[in-house]
């Protein structure tokens, strides 16, 4: 299958990003044709610092390579370097109803959160996202629960375009993780892990051991005892059990058996040791790559060329079908 997904260059990657997205990408690249891009255009809907933006984009590429994306097995590129993304987004805008965009849950949430900057980009964000996907004739998109609605909209837009202008786009499917697609905050396990909302509730994938220990040992747990996965009544410990399960690659039931009769403190100590061991590999890889700027930039250039060739082909068909010269 041809698979595509993107990640914004803003903010440091935390274990929720890794478990919910990048870890899945690493697995998918083994047996699929994968395209992974740095979504710098999507990041423009919020205030940002232009002077450091390019550095953030480059560092995000380093991060992805450090976490296991292999340029021999997938295509890694920067969204804004393929101008056809924005061209297609405009063409899709003219067949997308405003009402469809206004009902998007993420738009409603962001409009409340960023009341001083409710720009048009926040509203049309899903159309650009649809263009990102459709331009590569994508079969599937790995996403978290909060993006399912956007993928459904992309399918709706593709179907509508095909009905009006003739068969042009594939209708992509969403790929969901059963567990780990939504890692919760260590301080408020009813909210998604987010560095901007709660830095204390996050563990960065490149955090030093002492900070990892501090975050885990101070993580919120629940009343009562027992290491049990029971999200409805024990959201705190359930979140930690999920993290342990995914990093150890052991089923949740096996994790529960391993810690049967043990308390929260013992469990947290072992979770700390596990995370320190696993994340140290990423930290060391990043230290090496950050010094090899020319190598990373060549990977991005190769990715750009591959993505550009497919985008060119799709857009020729789109223009012809729409009657553009």
C-alpha atoms as a PDB file:
ATOM      1  CA  UNK A   1       0.000   0.000   0.000  1.00  0.00           C
ATOM      2  CA  UNK A   2       1.025   3.610  -0.470  1.00  0.00           C
ATOM      3  CA  UNK A   3       0.897   5.316   2.938  1.00  0.00           C
ATOM      4  CA  UNK A   4       1.381   8.960   3.902  1.00  0.00           C
ATOM      5  CA  UNK A   5       1.525  10.914   7.139  1.00  0.00           C
ATOM      6  CA  UNK A   6       2.988  14.184   8.378  1.00  0.00           C
ATOM      7  CA  UNK A   7       4.222  15.838  11.542  1.00  0.00           C
ATOM      8  CA  UNK A   8       4.531  19.514  12.367  1.00  0.00           C
ATOM      9  CA  UNK A   9       8.011  20.940  13.061  1.00  0.00           C
ATOM     10  CA  UNK A  10       6.913  22.853  16.152  1.00  0.00           C
ATOM     11  CA  UNK A  11       7.374  21.471  19.637  1.00  0.00           C
ATOM     12  CA  UNK A  12       9.540  18.695  20.982  1.00  0.00           C
ATOM     13  CA  UNK A  13       8.505  15.112  20.307  1.00  0.00           C
ATOM     14  CA  UNK A  14       7.180  13.283  23.354  1.00  0.00           C
ATOM     15  CA  UNK A  15       6.484   9.592  23.897  1.00  0.00           C
ATOM     16  CA  UNK A  16       2.832  10.119  22.942  1.00  0.00           C
ATOM     17  CA  UNK A  17       3.928  11.317  19.485  1.00  0.00           C
ATOM     18  CA  UNK A  18       6.303   8.382  19.206  1.00  0.00           C
ATOM     19  CA  UNK A  19       3.896   5.657  20.318  1.00  0.00           C
ATOM     20  CA  UNK A  20       0.889   7.134  18.548  1.00  0.00           C
ATOM     21  CA  UNK A  21       2.611   7.892  15.239  1.00  0.00           C
ATOM     22  CA  UNK A  22       6.327   7.468  14.583  1.00  0.00           C
ATOM     23  CA  UNK A  23       6.669   3.954  16.025  1.00  0.00           C
ATOM     24  CA  UNK A  24       3.864   2.878  13.706  1.00  0.00           C
ATOM     25  CA  UNK A  25       5.595   4.571  10.770  1.00  0.00           C
ATOM     26  CA  UNK A  26       8.800   2.640  11.464  1.00  0.00           C
ATOM     27  CA  UNK A  27       6.866  -0.615  11.271  1.00  0.00           C
ATOM     28  CA  UNK A  28       4.879   0.380   8.190  1.00  0.00           C
ATOM     29  CA  UNK A  29       7.967   1.319   6.154  1.00  0.00           C
ATOM     30  CA  UNK A  30       9.050  -2.337   6.122  1.00  0.00           C
ATOM     31  CA  UNK A  31       6.311  -3.600   3.798  1.00  0.00           C
ATOM     32  CA  UNK A  32       4.704  -0.510   2.248  1.00  0.00           C
ATOM     33  CA  UNK A  33       5.526   2.459   0.037  1.00  0.00           C
ATOM     34  CA  UNK A  34       5.644   5.180   2.685  1.00  0.00           C
ATOM     35  CA  UNK A  35       5.808   8.978   2.391  1.00  0.00           C
ATOM     36  CA  UNK A  36       6.430  10.959   5.587  1.00  0.00           C
ATOM     37  CA  UNK A  37       6.584  14.745   5.507  1.00  0.00           C
ATOM     38  CA  UNK A  38       7.320  17.629   7.822  1.00  0.00           C
ATOM     39  CA  UNK A  39       4.111  19.668   7.801  1.00  0.00           C
ATOM     40  CA  UNK A  40       5.568  23.161   7.977  1.00  0.00           C
ATOM     41  CA  UNK A  41       2.607  24.767   6.162  1.00  0.00           C
ATOM     42  CA  UNK A  42       0.180  23.430   8.763  1.00  0.00           C
ATOM     43  CA  UNK A  43       2.329  24.925  11.515  1.00  0.00           C
ATOM     44  CA  UNK A  44       1.737  28.449  10.163  1.00  0.00           C
ATOM     45  CA  UNK A  45      -1.800  28.617  11.567  1.00  0.00           C
ATOM     46  CA  UNK A  46      -0.291  29.416  14.988  1.00  0.00           C
ATOM     47  CA  UNK A  47       2.136  32.136  16.006  1.00  0.00           C
ATOM     48  CA  UNK A  48       5.750  31.129  15.386  1.00  0.00           C
ATOM     49  CA  UNK A  49       9.261  32.574  15.187  1.00  0.00           C
ATOM     50  CA  UNK A  50      10.409  32.861  11.524  1.00  0.00           C
ATOM     51  CA  UNK A  51      14.081  33.094  12.513  1.00  0.00           C
ATOM     52  CA  UNK A  52      14.087  29.688  14.190  1.00  0.00           C
ATOM     53  CA  UNK A  53      11.519  28.010  11.940  1.00  0.00           C
ATOM     54  CA  UNK A  54      14.026  26.560   9.462  1.00  0.00           C
ATOM     55  CA  UNK A  55      16.087  25.173  12.338  1.00  0.00           C
ATOM     56  CA  UNK A  56      12.953  23.520  13.724  1.00  0.00           C
ATOM     57  CA  UNK A  57      12.192  21.930  10.354  1.00  0.00           C
ATOM     58  CA  UNK A  58      15.711  20.540  10.042  1.00  0.00           C
ATOM     59  CA  UNK A  59      15.715  19.259  13.619  1.00  0.00           C
ATOM     60  CA  UNK A  60      12.397  17.498  13.079  1.00  0.00           C
ATOM     61  CA  UNK A  61      13.952  15.646  10.145  1.00  0.00           C
ATOM     62  CA  UNK A  62      16.826  14.620  12.429  1.00  0.00           C
ATOM     63  CA  UNK A  63      14.306  13.477  15.041  1.00  0.00           C
ATOM     64  CA  UNK A  64      12.472  11.237  12.577  1.00  0.00           C
ATOM     65  CA  UNK A  65      15.692   9.636  11.386  1.00  0.00           C
ATOM     66  CA  UNK A  66      16.812   9.157  14.997  1.00  0.00           C
ATOM     67  CA  UNK A  67      13.574   7.345  15.813  1.00  0.00           C
ATOM     68  CA  UNK A  68      14.024   4.802  13.046  1.00  0.00           C
ATOM     69  CA  UNK A  69      12.763   6.137   9.728  1.00  0.00           C
ATOM     70  CA  UNK A  70      15.061   4.760   7.045  1.00  0.00           C
ATOM     71  CA  UNK A  71      15.552   6.790   3.822  1.00  0.00           C
ATOM     72  CA  UNK A  72      16.226   3.494   2.030  1.00  0.00           C
ATOM     73  CA  UNK A  73      12.732   2.290   2.979  1.00  0.00           C
ATOM     74  CA  UNK A  74      10.602   5.462   2.905  1.00  0.00           C
ATOM     75  CA  UNK A  75      10.405   8.960   1.447  1.00  0.00           C
ATOM     76  CA  UNK A  76      11.007  11.875   3.846  1.00  0.00           C
ATOM     77  CA  UNK A  77      10.352  15.412   2.593  1.00  0.00           C
ATOM     78  CA  UNK A  78       9.262  18.930   3.541  1.00  0.00           C
ATOM     79  CA  UNK A  79       5.673  19.839   2.694  1.00  0.00           C
ATOM     80  CA  UNK A  80       6.268  23.436   1.549  1.00  0.00           C
ATOM     81  CA  UNK A  81       8.893  22.367  -0.992  1.00  0.00           C
ATOM     82  CA  UNK A  82       6.156  20.672  -3.040  1.00  0.00           C
ATOM     83  CA  UNK A  83       4.148  23.671  -4.262  1.00  0.00           C
ATOM     84  CA  UNK A  84       1.444  21.433  -5.685  1.00  0.00           C
ATOM     85  CA  UNK A  85       0.129  20.810  -2.155  1.00  0.00           C
ATOM     86  CA  UNK A  86      -1.138  24.383  -1.932  1.00  0.00           C
ATOM     87  CA  UNK A  87      -2.312  24.465  -5.541  1.00  0.00           C
ATOM     88  CA  UNK A  88      -4.425  21.362  -5.016  1.00  0.00           C
ATOM     89  CA  UNK A  89      -5.688  22.697  -1.681  1.00  0.00           C
ATOM     90  CA  UNK A  90      -7.130  25.745  -3.448  1.00  0.00           C
ATOM     91  CA  UNK A  91      -8.791  23.614  -6.121  1.00  0.00           C
ATOM     92  CA  UNK A  92     -10.320  21.373  -3.444  1.00  0.00           C
ATOM     93  CA  UNK A  93     -11.460  24.453  -1.490  1.00  0.00           C
ATOM     94  CA  UNK A  94     -13.852  25.418  -4.277  1.00  0.00           C
ATOM     95  CA  UNK A  95     -15.778  22.128  -3.972  1.00  0.00           C
ATOM     96  CA  UNK A  96     -15.739  21.966  -0.154  1.00  0.00           C
ATOM     97  CA  UNK A  97     -18.649  23.508   1.740  1.00  0.00           C
ATOM     98  CA  UNK A  98     -17.890  25.858   4.616  1.00  0.00           C
ATOM     99  CA  UNK A  99     -20.452  24.003   6.738  1.00  0.00           C
ATOM    100  CA  UNK A 100     -18.374  20.814   6.413  1.00  0.00           C
ATOM    101  CA  UNK A 101     -15.328  22.629   7.751  1.00  0.00           C
ATOM    102  CA  UNK A 102     -17.175  24.379  10.566  1.00  0.00           C
ATOM    103  CA  UNK A 103     -18.343  21.065  12.019  1.00  0.00           C
ATOM    104  CA  UNK A 104     -14.786  19.758  12.370  1.00  0.00           C
ATOM    105  CA  UNK A 105     -14.158  19.069  16.067  1.00  0.00           C
ATOM    106  CA  UNK A 106     -10.535  20.259  15.943  1.00  0.00           C
ATOM    107  CA  UNK A 107     -11.584  23.573  14.411  1.00  0.00           C
ATOM    108  CA  UNK A 108     -14.113  24.148  17.190  1.00  0.00           C
ATOM    109  CA  UNK A 109     -11.526  23.327  19.853  1.00  0.00           C
ATOM    110  CA  UNK A 110      -8.790  25.496  18.317  1.00  0.00           C
ATOM    111  CA  UNK A 111     -11.191  28.386  17.764  1.00  0.00           C
ATOM    112  CA  UNK A 112     -11.891  28.341  21.522  1.00  0.00           C
ATOM    113  CA  UNK A 113      -8.226  27.975  22.441  1.00  0.00           C
ATOM    114  CA  UNK A 114      -6.836  30.613  20.069  1.00  0.00           C
ATOM    115  CA  UNK A 115      -9.562  33.250  20.272  1.00  0.00           C
ATOM    116  CA  UNK A 116      -7.109  36.043  19.357  1.00  0.00           C
ATOM    117  CA  UNK A 117      -5.966  34.255  16.184  1.00  0.00           C
ATOM    118  CA  UNK A 118      -8.933  32.498  14.572  1.00  0.00           C
ATOM    119  CA  UNK A 119      -7.457  32.725  11.075  1.00  0.00           C
ATOM    120  CA  UNK A 120      -8.867  31.236   7.887  1.00  0.00           C
ATOM    121  CA  UNK A 121      -6.090  28.629   7.964  1.00  0.00           C
ATOM    122  CA  UNK A 122      -7.602  27.047  11.068  1.00  0.00           C
ATOM    123  CA  UNK A 123     -10.854  26.582   9.145  1.00  0.00           C
ATOM    124  CA  UNK A 124      -9.333  25.306   5.869  1.00  0.00           C
ATOM    125  CA  UNK A 125      -6.632  23.211   7.548  1.00  0.00           C
ATOM    126  CA  UNK A 126      -8.497  19.942   6.706  1.00  0.00           C
ATOM    127  CA  UNK A 127      -8.601  20.857   3.003  1.00  0.00           C
ATOM    128  CA  UNK A 128      -4.830  21.266   2.874  1.00  0.00           C
ATOM    129  CA  UNK A 129      -4.598  17.988   4.763  1.00  0.00           C
ATOM    130  CA  UNK A 130      -6.818  16.373   2.131  1.00  0.00           C
ATOM    131  CA  UNK A 131      -4.526  17.757  -0.586  1.00  0.00           C
ATOM    132  CA  UNK A 132      -1.477  16.346   1.235  1.00  0.00           C
ATOM    133  CA  UNK A 133      -3.067  12.912   1.073  1.00  0.00           C
ATOM    134  CA  UNK A 134      -4.864  12.864  -2.271  1.00  0.00           C
ATOM    135  CA  UNK A 135      -2.016  14.269  -4.351  1.00  0.00           C
ATOM    136  CA  UNK A 136      -0.011  11.075  -3.764  1.00  0.00           C
ATOM    137  CA  UNK A 137      -2.899   8.723  -4.626  1.00  0.00           C
ATOM    138  CA  UNK A 138      -2.665   7.402  -1.080  1.00  0.00           C
ATOM    139  CA  UNK A 139      -4.192   4.105   0.017  1.00  0.00           C
ATOM    140  CA  UNK A 140      -4.051   4.592   3.791  1.00  0.00           C
ATOM    141  CA  UNK A 141      -3.190   7.194   6.442  1.00  0.00           C
ATOM    142  CA  UNK A 142      -2.022   6.185   9.945  1.00  0.00           C
ATOM    143  CA  UNK A 143      -3.754   8.529  12.398  1.00  0.00           C
ATOM    144  CA  UNK A 144      -4.835   8.998  15.983  1.00  0.00           C
ATOM    145  CA  UNK A 145      -8.484   9.154  17.033  1.00  0.00           C
ATOM    146  CA  UNK A 146      -8.525  12.954  16.817  1.00  0.00           C
ATOM    147  CA  UNK A 147      -7.760  12.860  13.072  1.00  0.00           C
ATOM    148  CA  UNK A 148     -10.355  10.289  11.969  1.00  0.00           C
ATOM    149  CA  UNK A 149     -12.857  13.023  11.154  1.00  0.00           C
ATOM    150  CA  UNK A 150     -10.327  14.745   8.869  1.00  0.00           C
ATOM    151  CA  UNK A 151      -9.644  11.529   6.948  1.00  0.00           C
ATOM    152  CA  UNK A 152     -13.372  11.024   6.461  1.00  0.00           C
ATOM    153  CA  UNK A 153     -13.555  14.552   5.056  1.00  0.00           C
ATOM    154  CA  UNK A 154     -10.660  13.780   2.680  1.00  0.00           C
ATOM    155  CA  UNK A 155     -12.611  10.734   1.464  1.00  0.00           C
ATOM    156  CA  UNK A 156     -15.718  12.890   0.998  1.00  0.00           C
ATOM    157  CA  UNK A 157     -13.758  15.497  -0.979  1.00  0.00           C
ATOM    158  CA  UNK A 158     -12.148  12.824  -3.186  1.00  0.00           C
ATOM    159  CA  UNK A 159     -15.546  11.241  -3.882  1.00  0.00           C
ATOM    160  CA  UNK A 160     -17.109  14.601  -4.713  1.00  0.00           C
ATOM    161  CA  UNK A 161     -14.239  15.590  -7.029  1.00  0.00           C
ATOM    162  CA  UNK A 162     -14.458  12.246  -8.839  1.00  0.00           C
ATOM    163  CA  UNK A 163     -18.228  12.613  -9.270  1.00  0.00           C
ATOM    164  CA  UNK A 164     -17.899  16.119 -10.722  1.00  0.00           C
ATOM    165  CA  UNK A 165     -14.737  15.855 -12.813  1.00  0.00           C
ATOM    166  CA  UNK A 166     -14.264  12.143 -13.420  1.00  0.00           C
ATOM    167  CA  UNK A 167     -12.223   9.496 -11.627  1.00  0.00           C
ATOM    168  CA  UNK A 168      -9.055  11.212 -10.396  1.00  0.00           C
ATOM    169  CA  UNK A 169      -8.316  10.360  -6.755  1.00  0.00           C
ATOM    170  CA  UNK A 170      -8.241   7.247  -4.606  1.00  0.00           C
ATOM    171  CA  UNK A 171     -10.346   7.352  -1.444  1.00  0.00           C
ATOM    172  CA  UNK A 172      -7.823   6.845   1.369  1.00  0.00           C
ATOM    173  CA  UNK A 173      -8.548   4.790   4.470  1.00  0.00           C
ATOM    174  CA  UNK A 174      -7.590   5.640   8.045  1.00  0.00           C
ATOM    175  CA  UNK A 175      -5.271   3.256   9.881  1.00  0.00           C
ATOM    176  CA  UNK A 176      -5.752   3.248  13.654  1.00  0.00           C
ATOM    177  CA  UNK A 177      -3.677   1.766  16.470  1.00  0.00           C
ATOM    178  CA  UNK A 178      -5.839  -0.236  18.872  1.00  0.00           C
ATOM    179  CA  UNK A 179      -3.731   0.894  21.820  1.00  0.00           C
ATOM    180  CA  UNK A 180      -1.312   3.741  22.254  1.00  0.00           C
ATOM    181  CA  UNK A 181      -2.916   5.964  19.626  1.00  0.00           C
ATOM    182  CA  UNK A 182      -3.692   8.374  22.444  1.00  0.00           C
ATOM    183  CA  UNK A 183      -1.191   8.478  25.313  1.00  0.00           C
ATOM    184  CA  UNK A 184      -2.508  10.589  28.169  1.00  0.00           C
ATOM    185  CA  UNK A 185      -0.849  13.241  30.334  1.00  0.00           C
ATOM    186  CA  UNK A 186       1.046  11.911  33.343  1.00  0.00           C
ATOM    187  CA  UNK A 187      -0.473  14.710  35.433  1.00  0.00           C
ATOM    188  CA  UNK A 188      -4.030  14.571  34.111  1.00  0.00           C
ATOM    189  CA  UNK A 189      -4.762  11.127  32.609  1.00  0.00           C
ATOM    190  CA  UNK A 190      -8.090  12.334  31.248  1.00  0.00           C
ATOM    191  CA  UNK A 191      -6.290  14.658  28.816  1.00  0.00           C
ATOM    192  CA  UNK A 192      -4.052  13.796  25.888  1.00  0.00           C
ATOM    193  CA  UNK A 193      -0.302  14.134  26.490  1.00  0.00           C
ATOM    194  CA  UNK A 194       0.701  17.605  25.288  1.00  0.00           C
ATOM    195  CA  UNK A 195       3.881  19.568  25.885  1.00  0.00           C
ATOM    196  CA  UNK A 196       2.104  22.892  25.406  1.00  0.00           C
ATOM    197  CA  UNK A 197      -0.821  22.100  27.725  1.00  0.00           C
ATOM    198  CA  UNK A 198       1.140  20.359  30.490  1.00  0.00           C
ATOM    199  CA  UNK A 199       4.962  20.136  30.282  1.00  0.00           C
ATOM    200  CA  UNK A 200       5.027  18.288  33.623  1.00  0.00           C
ATOM    201  CA  UNK A 201       2.797  15.596  32.178  1.00  0.00           C
ATOM    202  CA  UNK A 202       5.098  14.834  29.245  1.00  0.00           C
ATOM    203  CA  UNK A 203       8.183  12.725  28.658  1.00  0.00           C
ATOM    204  CA  UNK A 204      10.214  13.822  25.658  1.00  0.00           C
ATOM    205  CA  UNK A 205      11.767  11.086  23.532  1.00  0.00           C
ATOM    206  CA  UNK A 206      15.147  12.797  23.885  1.00  0.00           C
ATOM    207  CA  UNK A 207      14.836  13.726  27.576  1.00  0.00           C
ATOM    208  CA  UNK A 208      17.828  12.898  29.850  1.00  0.00           C
ATOM    209  CA  UNK A 209      17.459  10.005  32.355  1.00  0.00           C
ATOM    210  CA  UNK A 210      17.084  12.254  35.395  1.00  0.00           C
ATOM    211  CA  UNK A 211      14.125  14.086  33.843  1.00  0.00           C
ATOM    212  CA  UNK A 212      12.468  10.824  32.770  1.00  0.00           C
ATOM    213  CA  UNK A 213      12.727   9.556  36.352  1.00  0.00           C
ATOM    214  CA  UNK A 214      11.255  12.779  37.732  1.00  0.00           C
ATOM    215  CA  UNK A 215       8.277  12.673  35.351  1.00  0.00           C
ATOM    216  CA  UNK A 216       7.458   8.993  35.950  1.00  0.00           C
ATOM    217  CA  UNK A 217       7.837   9.019  39.726  1.00  0.00           C
ATOM    218  CA  UNK A 218       5.582  12.079  40.007  1.00  0.00           C
ATOM    219  CA  UNK A 219       2.944  10.670  37.618  1.00  0.00           C
ATOM    220  CA  UNK A 220      -0.613  10.709  38.931  1.00  0.00           C
ATOM    221  CA  UNK A 221      -1.994   7.291  39.904  1.00  0.00           C
ATOM    222  CA  UNK A 222      -5.337   6.248  41.403  1.00  0.00           C
ATOM    223  CA  UNK A 223      -6.868   5.349  44.726  1.00  0.00           C
ATOM    224  CA  UNK A 224      -6.504   1.743  45.789  1.00  0.00           C
ATOM    225  CA  UNK A 225      -3.733  -0.686  44.916  1.00  0.00           C
ATOM    226  CA  UNK A 226      -2.872  -3.079  42.136  1.00  0.00           C
ATOM    227  CA  UNK A 227      -1.346  -2.667  38.707  1.00  0.00           C
ATOM    228  CA  UNK A 228      -4.504  -3.119  36.617  1.00  0.00           C
ATOM    229  CA  UNK A 229      -5.545  -1.835  33.225  1.00  0.00           C
ATOM    230  CA  UNK A 230      -8.968  -0.336  33.894  1.00  0.00           C
ATOM    231  CA  UNK A 231      -9.218   3.044  32.074  1.00  0.00           C
ATOM    232  CA  UNK A 232     -12.725   3.880  33.304  1.00  0.00           C
ATOM    233  CA  UNK A 233     -11.895   3.634  37.018  1.00  0.00           C
ATOM    234  CA  UNK A 234      -8.080   3.714  37.093  1.00  0.00           C
ATOM    235  CA  UNK A 235      -7.049   6.094  34.276  1.00  0.00           C
ATOM    236  CA  UNK A 236      -3.675   7.013  35.819  1.00  0.00           C
ATOM    237  CA  UNK A 237      -2.225   3.547  36.250  1.00  0.00           C
ATOM    238  CA  UNK A 238      -3.907   2.363  33.036  1.00  0.00           C
ATOM    239  CA  UNK A 239      -2.021   5.026  31.087  1.00  0.00           C
ATOM    240  CA  UNK A 240       1.288   3.933  32.651  1.00  0.00           C
ATOM    241  CA  UNK A 241       0.509   0.265  31.961  1.00  0.00           C
ATOM    242  CA  UNK A 242      -0.159   1.146  28.309  1.00  0.00           C
ATOM    243  CA  UNK A 243       3.195   2.929  28.083  1.00  0.00           C
ATOM    244  CA  UNK A 244       4.999  -0.028  29.690  1.00  0.00           C
ATOM    245  CA  UNK A 245       3.230  -2.461  27.351  1.00  0.00           C
ATOM    246  CA  UNK A 246       4.115  -0.553  24.197  1.00  0.00           C
ATOM    247  CA  UNK A 247       7.770   0.097  25.084  1.00  0.00           C
ATOM    248  CA  UNK A 248       8.330  -3.463  26.329  1.00  0.00           C
ATOM    249  CA  UNK A 249       6.277  -4.898  23.439  1.00  0.00           C
ATOM    250  CA  UNK A 250       4.460  -7.157  25.905  1.00  0.00           C
ATOM    251  CA  UNK A 251       0.649  -7.555  26.033  1.00  0.00           C
ATOM    252  CA  UNK A 252      -1.137  -5.644  28.779  1.00  0.00           C
ATOM    253  CA  UNK A 253      -2.231  -8.894  30.434  1.00  0.00           C
ATOM    254  CA  UNK A 254       1.402  -9.968  30.677  1.00  0.00           C
ATOM    255  CA  UNK A 255       2.342  -6.622  32.254  1.00  0.00           C
ATOM    256  CA  UNK A 256      -0.443  -7.083  34.808  1.00  0.00           C
ATOM    257  CA  UNK A 257       0.839 -10.571  35.668  1.00  0.00           C
ATOM    258  CA  UNK A 258       4.411  -9.328  35.965  1.00  0.00           C
ATOM    259  CA  UNK A 259       3.427  -6.766  38.602  1.00  0.00           C
ATOM    260  CA  UNK A 260       0.787  -8.783  40.420  1.00  0.00           C
ATOM    261  CA  UNK A 261       1.058  -8.072  44.138  1.00  0.00           C
ATOM    262  CA  UNK A 262       3.433  -5.127  43.644  1.00  0.00           C
ATOM    263  CA  UNK A 263       2.728  -1.479  44.419  1.00  0.00           C
ATOM    264  CA  UNK A 264       2.814   1.681  42.368  1.00  0.00           C
ATOM    265  CA  UNK A 265       6.332   2.614  43.507  1.00  0.00           C
ATOM    266  CA  UNK A 266       7.895  -0.647  42.302  1.00  0.00           C
ATOM    267  CA  UNK A 267       6.043  -0.399  39.011  1.00  0.00           C
ATOM    268  CA  UNK A 268       7.151   3.189  38.447  1.00  0.00           C
ATOM    269  CA  UNK A 269      10.795   2.305  39.121  1.00  0.00           C
ATOM    270  CA  UNK A 270      10.718  -0.464  36.524  1.00  0.00           C
ATOM    271  CA  UNK A 271       8.901   1.777  34.039  1.00  0.00           C
ATOM    272  CA  UNK A 272      11.598   4.421  34.559  1.00  0.00           C
ATOM    273  CA  UNK A 273      14.375   1.883  33.903  1.00  0.00           C
ATOM    274  CA  UNK A 274      12.588   0.661  30.770  1.00  0.00           C
ATOM    275  CA  UNK A 275      12.116   4.161  29.346  1.00  0.00           C
ATOM    276  CA  UNK A 276      15.671   5.255  30.126  1.00  0.00           C
ATOM    277  CA  UNK A 277      17.030   2.177  28.344  1.00  0.00           C
ATOM    278  CA  UNK A 278      14.797   2.484  25.272  1.00  0.00           C
ATOM    279  CA  UNK A 279      15.052   6.257  24.856  1.00  0.00           C
ATOM    280  CA  UNK A 280      18.843   6.350  25.297  1.00  0.00           C
ATOM    281  CA  UNK A 281      19.190   4.701  21.884  1.00  0.00           C
ATOM    282  CA  UNK A 282      17.305   7.605  20.312  1.00  0.00           C
ATOM    283  CA  UNK A 283      19.350  10.217  22.178  1.00  0.00           C
ATOM    284  CA  UNK A 284      22.629   8.743  20.967  1.00  0.00           C
ATOM    285  CA  UNK A 285      21.416   8.487  17.369  1.00  0.00           C
ATOM    286  CA  UNK A 286      20.339  12.137  17.418  1.00  0.00           C
ATOM    287  CA  UNK A 287      23.719  13.265  18.774  1.00  0.00           C
ATOM    288  CA  UNK A 288      25.358  11.584  15.806  1.00  0.00           C
ATOM    289  CA  UNK A 289      22.946  12.859  13.138  1.00  0.00           C
ATOM    290  CA  UNK A 290      22.859  16.471  14.315  1.00  0.00           C
ATOM    291  CA  UNK A 291      26.533  16.704  13.332  1.00  0.00           C
ATOM    292  CA  UNK A 292      25.886  15.345   9.828  1.00  0.00           C
ATOM    293  CA  UNK A 293      23.926  18.232   8.332  1.00  0.00           C
ATOM    294  CA  UNK A 294      24.906  17.573   4.697  1.00  0.00           C
ATOM    295  CA  UNK A 295      23.765  13.954   4.979  1.00  0.00           C
ATOM    296  CA  UNK A 296      20.355  14.909   6.387  1.00  0.00           C
ATOM    297  CA  UNK A 297      19.826  17.613   3.764  1.00  0.00           C
ATOM    298  CA  UNK A 298      20.627  15.140   0.981  1.00  0.00           C
ATOM    299  CA  UNK A 299      17.987  12.771   2.357  1.00  0.00           C
ATOM    300  CA  UNK A 300      15.440  15.607   2.267  1.00  0.00           C
ATOM    301  CA  UNK A 301      16.436  16.514  -1.287  1.00  0.00           C
ATOM    302  CA  UNK A 302      16.040  12.918  -2.461  1.00  0.00           C
ATOM    303  CA  UNK A 303      12.651  12.838  -0.774  1.00  0.00           C
ATOM    304  CA  UNK A 304      11.642  16.086  -2.442  1.00  0.00           C
ATOM    305  CA  UNK A 305      12.497  14.749  -5.891  1.00  0.00           C
ATOM    306  CA  UNK A 306      10.498  11.548  -5.377  1.00  0.00           C
ATOM    307  CA  UNK A 307       7.468  13.386  -3.946  1.00  0.00           C
ATOM    308  CA  UNK A 308       7.647  16.032  -6.691  1.00  0.00           C
ATOM    309  CA  UNK A 309       7.477  13.467  -9.486  1.00  0.00           C
ATOM    310  CA  UNK A 310       4.224  11.982  -8.135  1.00  0.00           C
ATOM    311  CA  UNK A 311       2.693  15.390  -7.329  1.00  0.00           C
ATOM    312  CA  UNK A 312       3.464  16.602 -10.877  1.00  0.00           C
ATOM    313  CA  UNK A 313       1.746  13.587 -12.397  1.00  0.00           C
ATOM    314  CA  UNK A 314      -1.376  13.947 -10.250  1.00  0.00           C
ATOM    315  CA  UNK A 315      -1.691  17.676 -10.877  1.00  0.00           C
ATOM    316  CA  UNK A 316      -1.485  17.265 -14.658  1.00  0.00           C
ATOM    317  CA  UNK A 317      -4.501  14.972 -14.436  1.00  0.00           C
ATOM    318  CA  UNK A 318      -6.327  17.309 -12.022  1.00  0.00           C
ATOM    319  CA  UNK A 319      -5.830  20.370 -14.259  1.00  0.00           C
ATOM    320  CA  UNK A 320      -6.928  18.498 -17.364  1.00  0.00           C
ATOM    321  CA  UNK A 321     -10.050  17.089 -15.674  1.00  0.00           C
ATOM    322  CA  UNK A 322     -10.997  20.517 -14.293  1.00  0.00           C
ATOM    323  CA  UNK A 323     -10.600  22.188 -17.696  1.00  0.00           C
ATOM    324  CA  UNK A 324      -7.573  24.279 -16.728  1.00  0.00           C
ATOM    325  CA  UNK A 325      -4.933  25.063 -19.335  1.00  0.00           C
END
